[in-house]
């Protein structure tokens, strides 16, 4: 049997194993879903338009599914629906790794199974509201219309990941169905809406971290350098100190702030997480209880409007918890929380997570200082914004 014939044979196995577990979402087959338990269907949040939606099973039966809970930032939702006659899918024991052969199974306009290779792990995608979601798997199994929400499977038909986003005709992204992911799905199925979690650490900018990692004997990309710890935070109570390097969360290596935040998000508020830490060359394990981040006060968030570049942006002070939630590496400046479509800020390309550090000659530390700076009417706005590791110096006509 040739390699191609073996793949085709494995695809048929996947089709048999997942045949009744993959469903179609919406009357127009706009998406797919996976039966993950009796009475529960998992899909992507962007496939849903209302609190109820039609679910079509393999045998042609239709039923109304009601949203039990949705995580729009993470682009996941669980529907409650009569799944009689459908066999729930099985989770794969291990998440997919680089080079692994995978099979994309989707119902959409009829069951479709394609195959490809995992071309990368720990990728980041933008959810439907612009929120970056880290920890995704990039693969080459072709996804047709109506495939998102369907399963990425191994050769035995076990679910490795949930397909989330098409990247043209050649690549796609999926959220790996590791234990943290399964715990997150279980919380959604129980009706628990996602909430912000708080670790309470400030992370060193990437260029600083690279220089200091060598001084503690770590590879260039290994771990996150802690430059500060918030008093009274879970990290402080667990003994984390400035200068520590966090190299793994719950056994998963972390190389940037967004990957760390993904691991904390999937772990969830109220649970405990394990950090592998290096301090002065010595490795240790720290157990931390995750608590909700404090809600921003009335003076911490503004919806900006007016004749200036940030019209249509919602901005906030960088508070404890906000740095954790957005994966920021800095505490100085004002962060863009969201941008209204079609607004001036949107047309200029400002994005969630951008940190406004200067307007004109005015350094910006709070939303109050930003509002004051925006009262000027210069002929040319000079703005400094930090986006990830980049510092953008912009000149915008007034």
Protein backbone atom coordinates (compact mmCIF):
# COMPACT_ATOMS: atom_id res chain seq x y z
CA UNK A 1 0.00 0.00 0.00
CA UNK A 2 1.40 3.42 -0.99
CA UNK A 3 1.72 6.30 1.46
CA UNK A 4 -1.20 8.08 -0.23
CA UNK A 5 -3.37 4.99 0.03
CA UNK A 6 -2.50 4.70 3.72
CA UNK A 7 -3.58 8.30 4.28
CA UNK A 8 -6.82 7.75 2.40
CA UNK A 9 -7.47 4.62 4.44
CA UNK A 10 -6.82 6.56 7.67
CA UNK A 11 -9.18 9.31 6.49
CA UNK A 12 -11.93 6.70 6.06
CA UNK A 13 -11.26 5.52 9.61
CA UNK A 14 -11.60 9.09 10.87
CA UNK A 15 -14.86 9.50 8.95
CA UNK A 16 -16.28 6.36 10.60
CA UNK A 17 -15.11 7.30 14.10
CA UNK A 18 -16.26 10.93 13.95
CA UNK A 19 -19.17 10.53 11.55
CA UNK A 20 -21.97 10.94 14.11
CA UNK A 21 -20.02 13.32 16.37
CA UNK A 22 -19.55 16.06 13.75
CA UNK A 23 -22.60 18.27 13.22
CA UNK A 24 -23.55 21.24 11.07
CA UNK A 25 -24.28 24.60 12.72
CA UNK A 26 -26.96 26.94 11.37
CA UNK A 27 -29.59 26.47 8.67
CA UNK A 28 -27.09 27.64 6.10
CA UNK A 29 -24.30 25.30 7.26
CA UNK A 30 -22.16 28.27 8.23
CA UNK A 31 -20.08 26.19 10.62
CA UNK A 32 -19.43 22.82 12.20
CA UNK A 33 -19.50 21.48 15.72
CA UNK A 34 -18.44 18.44 17.72
CA UNK A 35 -20.61 16.41 20.10
CA UNK A 36 -18.38 16.34 23.20
CA UNK A 37 -20.86 14.81 25.67
CA UNK A 38 -24.49 13.77 25.84
CA UNK A 39 -26.52 16.91 25.26
CA UNK A 40 -23.49 19.09 24.48
CA UNK A 41 -22.06 20.40 21.20
CA UNK A 42 -18.85 22.41 21.02
CA UNK A 43 -18.37 24.97 18.24
CA UNK A 44 -16.74 28.33 17.50
CA UNK A 45 -18.49 31.37 18.94
CA UNK A 46 -18.28 33.16 15.58
CA UNK A 47 -20.62 30.51 14.09
CA UNK A 48 -23.48 31.71 16.31
CA UNK A 49 -25.76 34.66 15.60
CA UNK A 50 -28.43 34.17 18.27
CA UNK A 51 -28.96 32.39 21.58
CA UNK A 52 -30.45 29.47 19.66
CA UNK A 53 -29.33 27.88 16.42
CA UNK A 54 -30.17 24.86 14.30
CA UNK A 55 -27.95 21.81 14.65
CA UNK A 56 -28.00 19.15 11.90
CA UNK A 57 -26.77 15.64 12.70
CA UNK A 58 -25.24 13.00 10.44
CA UNK A 59 -28.56 11.21 9.94
CA UNK A 60 -30.23 14.43 8.77
CA UNK A 61 -32.09 15.04 12.02
CA UNK A 62 -32.26 18.68 13.09
CA UNK A 63 -32.66 20.13 16.56
CA UNK A 64 -32.51 23.53 18.21
CA UNK A 65 -29.34 24.17 20.17
CA UNK A 66 -29.28 26.74 22.97
CA UNK A 67 -26.05 28.48 23.99
CA UNK A 68 -25.05 27.31 27.47
CA UNK A 69 -22.05 29.65 27.56
CA UNK A 70 -19.80 31.39 25.06
CA UNK A 71 -16.26 32.74 25.24
CA UNK A 72 -16.24 35.25 22.39
CA UNK A 73 -12.66 36.36 23.08
CA UNK A 74 -11.45 32.75 22.89
CA UNK A 75 -13.95 31.96 20.09
CA UNK A 76 -15.58 28.93 21.75
CA UNK A 77 -19.18 28.11 22.67
CA UNK A 78 -21.06 25.13 24.06
CA UNK A 79 -24.63 24.39 22.92
CA UNK A 80 -27.17 22.41 24.86
CA UNK A 81 -29.06 20.17 22.41
CA UNK A 82 -30.73 16.76 22.20
CA UNK A 83 -27.87 14.61 20.89
CA UNK A 84 -29.77 11.30 20.90
CA UNK A 85 -28.27 8.95 18.30
CA UNK A 86 -24.92 10.77 18.16
CA UNK A 87 -21.78 9.28 19.69
CA UNK A 88 -19.63 11.84 21.55
CA UNK A 89 -16.12 12.26 20.19
CA UNK A 90 -13.10 11.06 22.11
CA UNK A 91 -10.27 13.40 23.06
CA UNK A 92 -6.79 12.41 21.92
CA UNK A 93 -4.36 11.67 24.79
CA UNK A 94 -1.73 14.11 23.49
CA UNK A 95 -1.96 17.46 21.67
CA UNK A 96 -0.59 17.55 18.10
CA UNK A 97 3.12 18.13 17.57
CA UNK A 98 5.19 19.57 14.74
CA UNK A 99 5.15 17.39 11.61
CA UNK A 100 2.27 15.20 12.81
CA UNK A 101 -0.23 14.02 10.19
CA UNK A 102 -3.68 15.34 11.08
CA UNK A 103 -7.20 15.06 9.64
CA UNK A 104 -9.70 17.90 9.45
CA UNK A 105 -13.27 16.67 9.89
CA UNK A 106 -16.21 19.03 9.28
CA UNK A 107 -19.90 18.65 8.53
CA UNK A 108 -20.71 22.00 6.93
CA UNK A 109 -22.34 21.08 3.61
CA UNK A 110 -21.81 17.35 4.26
CA UNK A 111 -19.09 15.37 6.03
CA UNK A 112 -15.66 16.22 4.68
CA UNK A 113 -12.36 14.75 5.87
CA UNK A 114 -9.06 16.18 4.63
CA UNK A 115 -5.52 15.54 5.77
CA UNK A 116 -2.34 17.52 6.20
CA UNK A 117 0.62 18.17 8.49
CA UNK A 118 1.07 20.24 11.63
CA UNK A 119 3.29 23.09 10.44
CA UNK A 120 3.62 24.92 13.74
CA UNK A 121 2.47 25.07 17.34
CA UNK A 122 1.94 27.90 19.80
CA UNK A 123 0.68 30.26 17.09
CA UNK A 124 -1.49 33.32 17.81
CA UNK A 125 -4.73 34.30 16.07
CA UNK A 126 -7.15 37.21 16.36
CA UNK A 127 -10.60 36.27 17.59
CA UNK A 128 -13.80 37.81 16.19
CA UNK A 129 -13.51 40.85 18.50
CA UNK A 130 -9.84 41.42 17.72
CA UNK A 131 -8.59 39.62 20.84
CA UNK A 132 -5.36 37.67 20.32
CA UNK A 133 -5.56 34.02 21.32
CA UNK A 134 -2.24 32.21 21.74
CA UNK A 135 -1.34 28.52 21.87
CA UNK A 136 -2.92 27.55 18.54
CA UNK A 137 -1.85 24.77 16.16
CA UNK A 138 -1.10 25.66 12.52
CA UNK A 139 -1.80 22.87 10.02
CA UNK A 140 -2.18 22.24 6.30
CA UNK A 141 -5.38 20.13 6.23
CA UNK A 142 -7.61 22.13 3.83
CA UNK A 143 -10.69 23.72 5.41
CA UNK A 144 -13.69 24.46 3.22
CA UNK A 145 -16.54 26.84 4.01
CA UNK A 146 -18.38 25.67 7.11
CA UNK A 147 -15.38 23.86 8.57
CA UNK A 148 -14.62 26.06 11.58
CA UNK A 149 -15.79 24.46 14.80
CA UNK A 150 -15.04 21.02 13.38
CA UNK A 151 -12.41 18.61 14.65
CA UNK A 152 -8.74 18.23 13.88
CA UNK A 153 -8.21 14.51 14.51
CA UNK A 154 -5.53 11.84 14.66
CA UNK A 155 -5.57 8.66 12.54
CA UNK A 156 -7.78 6.92 15.11
CA UNK A 157 -10.46 9.61 14.87
CA UNK A 158 -9.73 11.17 18.26
CA UNK A 159 -10.02 14.95 18.59
CA UNK A 160 -6.66 16.72 18.74
CA UNK A 161 -7.95 20.28 18.33
CA UNK A 162 -10.91 22.40 17.23
CA UNK A 163 -10.51 24.25 13.91
CA UNK A 164 -10.83 27.97 14.47
CA UNK A 165 -9.56 29.97 11.53
CA UNK A 166 -8.72 29.53 7.84
CA UNK A 167 -5.54 31.19 6.63
CA UNK A 168 -6.17 31.24 2.90
CA UNK A 169 -6.24 27.94 1.03
CA UNK A 170 -3.07 26.41 2.46
CA UNK A 171 -3.11 26.81 6.23
CA UNK A 172 -5.51 26.84 9.16
CA UNK A 173 -5.37 27.31 12.92
CA UNK A 174 -6.92 25.11 15.59
CA UNK A 175 -7.12 25.24 19.37
CA UNK A 176 -5.38 22.18 20.86
CA UNK A 177 -7.61 19.95 22.98
CA UNK A 178 -5.16 19.48 25.84
CA UNK A 179 -6.31 18.98 29.43
CA UNK A 180 -6.51 22.73 30.09
CA UNK A 181 -8.72 23.12 27.00
CA UNK A 182 -10.97 20.26 28.13
CA UNK A 183 -11.32 21.85 31.58
CA UNK A 184 -12.28 25.12 29.89
CA UNK A 185 -14.94 23.36 27.78
CA UNK A 186 -16.32 21.67 30.91
CA UNK A 187 -16.64 25.06 32.64
CA UNK A 188 -18.41 26.51 29.60
CA UNK A 189 -20.78 23.52 29.52
CA UNK A 190 -21.59 24.22 33.18
CA UNK A 191 -22.59 27.76 32.20
CA UNK A 192 -19.51 29.45 33.64
CA UNK A 193 -18.66 32.58 31.67
CA UNK A 194 -14.91 33.25 31.36
CA UNK A 195 -13.48 35.85 33.70
CA UNK A 196 -10.22 37.70 34.00
CA UNK A 197 -7.60 36.02 36.12
CA UNK A 198 -4.84 37.64 38.10
CA UNK A 199 -1.28 36.47 38.60
CA UNK A 200 0.18 39.80 39.65
CA UNK A 201 3.55 39.98 37.89
CA UNK A 202 5.13 42.54 35.58
CA UNK A 203 7.24 40.95 32.85
CA UNK A 204 10.43 42.41 31.43
CA UNK A 205 10.33 43.60 27.80
CA UNK A 206 11.64 40.96 25.41
CA UNK A 207 14.94 42.69 24.59
CA UNK A 208 15.77 43.02 28.30
CA UNK A 209 14.75 39.44 28.98
CA UNK A 210 17.06 38.14 26.24
CA UNK A 211 20.10 39.81 27.79
CA UNK A 212 19.35 38.67 31.33
CA UNK A 213 18.40 35.09 30.52
CA UNK A 214 22.02 34.37 29.62
CA UNK A 215 23.12 35.56 33.06
CA UNK A 216 21.07 32.79 34.70
CA UNK A 217 22.17 30.14 32.20
CA UNK A 218 18.96 29.85 30.15
CA UNK A 219 18.59 29.60 26.35
CA UNK A 220 17.68 32.84 24.58
CA UNK A 221 13.99 31.99 24.10
CA UNK A 222 13.43 30.17 27.38
CA UNK A 223 11.06 31.61 29.94
CA UNK A 224 9.64 34.95 31.04
CA UNK A 225 11.64 37.32 33.23
CA UNK A 226 9.71 38.81 36.16
CA UNK A 227 10.65 42.45 36.66
CA UNK A 228 8.13 43.18 39.42
CA UNK A 229 5.48 41.59 41.63
CA UNK A 230 2.29 43.31 42.80
CA UNK A 231 1.86 43.45 46.57
CA UNK A 232 -0.85 41.12 47.84
CA UNK A 233 -1.18 39.31 44.50
CA UNK A 234 -1.30 35.51 44.11
CA UNK A 235 2.29 35.62 42.79
CA UNK A 236 3.50 37.57 45.82
CA UNK A 237 1.76 35.19 48.23
CA UNK A 238 3.41 32.24 46.47
CA UNK A 239 6.86 33.78 46.88
CA UNK A 240 7.57 34.89 43.29
CA UNK A 241 10.22 37.63 43.23
CA UNK A 242 11.58 40.13 40.75
CA UNK A 243 14.40 38.48 38.81
CA UNK A 244 12.71 35.07 38.73
CA UNK A 245 12.32 33.43 35.33
CA UNK A 246 9.06 31.53 34.69
CA UNK A 247 9.96 28.72 32.29
CA UNK A 248 6.73 26.64 32.29
CA UNK A 249 3.10 26.79 33.36
CA UNK A 250 1.43 23.47 34.21
CA UNK A 251 4.22 21.66 32.39
CA UNK A 252 3.99 23.74 29.19
CA UNK A 253 6.99 25.83 28.16
CA UNK A 254 6.30 29.55 27.85
CA UNK A 255 8.32 31.91 25.68
CA UNK A 256 6.17 35.05 25.58
CA UNK A 257 3.52 36.84 27.63
CA UNK A 258 0.61 35.85 25.37
CA UNK A 259 1.42 32.15 25.61
CA UNK A 260 1.58 32.45 29.40
CA UNK A 261 -1.78 34.23 29.45
CA UNK A 262 -3.34 31.51 27.29
CA UNK A 263 -2.25 28.89 29.82
CA UNK A 264 -3.66 30.92 32.72
CA UNK A 265 -6.93 31.59 30.85
CA UNK A 266 -7.53 27.92 30.12
CA UNK A 267 -6.75 27.07 33.74
CA UNK A 268 -9.39 29.47 34.99
CA UNK A 269 -10.17 31.53 38.08
CA UNK A 270 -10.53 29.50 41.27
CA UNK A 271 -8.10 26.79 40.18
CA UNK A 272 -4.44 26.34 41.03
CA UNK A 273 -1.60 26.51 38.55
CA UNK A 274 1.97 25.23 38.76
CA UNK A 275 4.86 27.45 37.71
CA UNK A 276 8.36 26.15 37.03
CA UNK A 277 10.70 28.94 38.12
CA UNK A 278 14.45 29.56 37.89
CA UNK A 279 15.97 31.80 40.57
CA UNK A 280 19.72 32.45 40.47
CA UNK A 281 20.30 29.28 38.49
CA UNK A 282 18.21 27.05 40.75
CA UNK A 283 14.98 25.44 39.54
CA UNK A 284 11.89 25.21 41.74
CA UNK A 285 8.14 24.62 41.44
CA UNK A 286 5.58 27.09 42.76
CA UNK A 287 1.87 26.38 43.25
CA UNK A 288 -0.39 29.45 42.80
CA UNK A 289 -4.11 29.96 43.33
CA UNK A 290 -5.65 32.08 40.55
CA UNK A 291 -8.04 34.82 41.66
CA UNK A 292 -10.19 37.26 39.68
CA UNK A 293 -8.53 40.53 38.72
CA UNK A 294 -9.98 43.66 40.33
CA UNK A 295 -12.51 45.42 38.14
CA UNK A 296 -11.37 48.78 36.73
CA UNK A 297 -12.77 51.80 38.57
CA UNK A 298 -14.84 54.58 37.06
CA UNK A 299 -11.75 56.69 36.38
CA UNK A 300 -9.70 53.88 34.82
CA UNK A 301 -11.50 53.47 31.47
CA UNK A 302 -12.60 55.99 28.83
CA UNK A 303 -14.44 55.84 25.51
CA UNK A 304 -12.63 58.49 23.48
CA UNK A 305 -14.41 60.74 21.00
CA UNK A 306 -13.43 63.95 19.24
CA UNK A 307 -11.25 65.46 16.54
CA UNK A 308 -8.12 63.42 17.30
CA UNK A 309 -6.46 60.14 16.20
CA UNK A 310 -8.00 58.05 19.01
CA UNK A 311 -11.65 58.84 18.26
CA UNK A 312 -13.55 55.54 18.66
CA UNK A 313 -10.99 53.86 20.94
CA UNK A 314 -11.79 52.54 24.38
CA UNK A 315 -8.70 52.97 26.54
CA UNK A 316 -7.74 52.11 30.08
CA UNK A 317 -5.08 52.56 32.71
CA UNK A 318 -2.69 49.61 32.86
CA UNK A 319 -3.86 48.06 36.11
CA UNK A 320 -2.88 44.78 37.77
CA UNK A 321 -4.77 42.13 35.85
CA UNK A 322 -4.90 44.14 32.62
CA UNK A 323 -1.23 43.35 31.97
CA UNK A 324 -2.02 39.69 32.67
CA UNK A 325 -5.15 39.62 30.52
CA UNK A 326 -3.69 41.34 27.45
CA UNK A 327 -0.24 39.80 27.76
CA UNK A 328 1.47 43.19 28.11
CA UNK A 329 5.13 43.41 29.02
CA UNK A 330 5.01 47.03 30.21
CA UNK A 331 3.21 48.90 32.97
CA UNK A 332 3.78 52.43 31.65
CA UNK A 333 1.24 54.12 29.38
CA UNK A 334 -2.43 53.72 28.52
CA UNK A 335 -3.66 50.59 26.74
CA UNK A 336 -6.21 50.38 23.91
CA UNK A 337 -8.91 47.96 25.08
CA UNK A 338 -11.03 48.00 21.92
CA UNK A 339 -11.57 50.00 18.72
CA UNK A 340 -14.98 50.74 17.18
CA UNK A 341 -15.25 49.62 13.57
CA UNK A 342 -15.29 52.54 11.11
CA UNK A 343 -13.98 55.06 13.64
CA UNK A 344 -10.96 57.31 13.17
CA UNK A 345 -8.87 55.05 15.42
CA UNK A 346 -10.01 52.01 13.43
CA UNK A 347 -9.18 53.59 10.07
CA UNK A 348 -5.73 54.54 11.36
CA UNK A 349 -5.10 50.92 12.31
CA UNK A 350 -4.95 51.13 16.10
CA UNK A 351 -5.54 47.73 17.74
CA UNK A 352 -6.43 46.18 21.07
CA UNK A 353 -3.26 45.88 23.14
CA UNK A 354 -1.56 48.97 21.69
CA UNK A 355 0.02 51.01 24.50
CA UNK A 356 -0.07 54.81 24.08
CA UNK A 357 3.12 56.16 25.65
CA UNK A 358 3.40 59.69 24.23
CA UNK A 359 1.30 62.35 22.49
CA UNK A 360 3.31 65.32 21.23
CA UNK A 361 5.88 66.03 23.95
CA UNK A 362 3.60 64.71 26.69
CA UNK A 363 4.48 61.34 28.23
CA UNK A 364 1.25 59.43 28.92
CA UNK A 365 0.82 57.48 32.16
CA UNK A 366 -2.96 57.70 32.77
CA UNK A 367 -6.18 58.13 30.82
CA UNK A 368 -6.59 61.56 32.44
CA UNK A 369 -3.22 62.68 31.01
CA UNK A 370 -4.21 61.26 27.62
CA UNK A 371 -7.50 63.17 27.58
CA UNK A 372 -5.65 66.39 28.48
CA UNK A 373 -3.10 65.84 25.70
CA UNK A 374 -5.87 65.21 23.17
CA UNK A 375 -7.44 68.62 23.83
CA UNK A 376 -4.68 70.22 21.74
CA UNK A 377 -5.40 70.79 18.05
CA UNK A 378 -2.02 70.54 16.31
CA UNK A 379 -1.64 70.54 12.56
CA UNK A 380 0.36 67.34 12.94
CA UNK A 381 -0.22 64.79 15.70
CA UNK A 382 2.97 63.10 16.88
CA UNK A 383 2.14 59.87 18.68
CA UNK A 384 4.30 57.09 20.12
CA UNK A 385 2.60 53.70 20.49
CA UNK A 386 4.10 50.42 21.64
CA UNK A 387 2.79 47.31 19.88
CA UNK A 388 4.34 44.14 21.25
CA UNK A 389 8.09 44.67 21.01
CA UNK A 390 7.80 47.47 18.43
CA UNK A 391 7.79 51.16 19.20
CA UNK A 392 5.76 53.01 16.54
CA UNK A 393 6.42 56.73 16.08
CA UNK A 394 3.49 58.09 14.10
CA UNK A 395 2.81 61.44 12.45
CA UNK A 396 -0.88 61.97 11.73
CA UNK A 397 -2.39 65.07 10.07
CA UNK A 398 -4.60 67.10 12.44
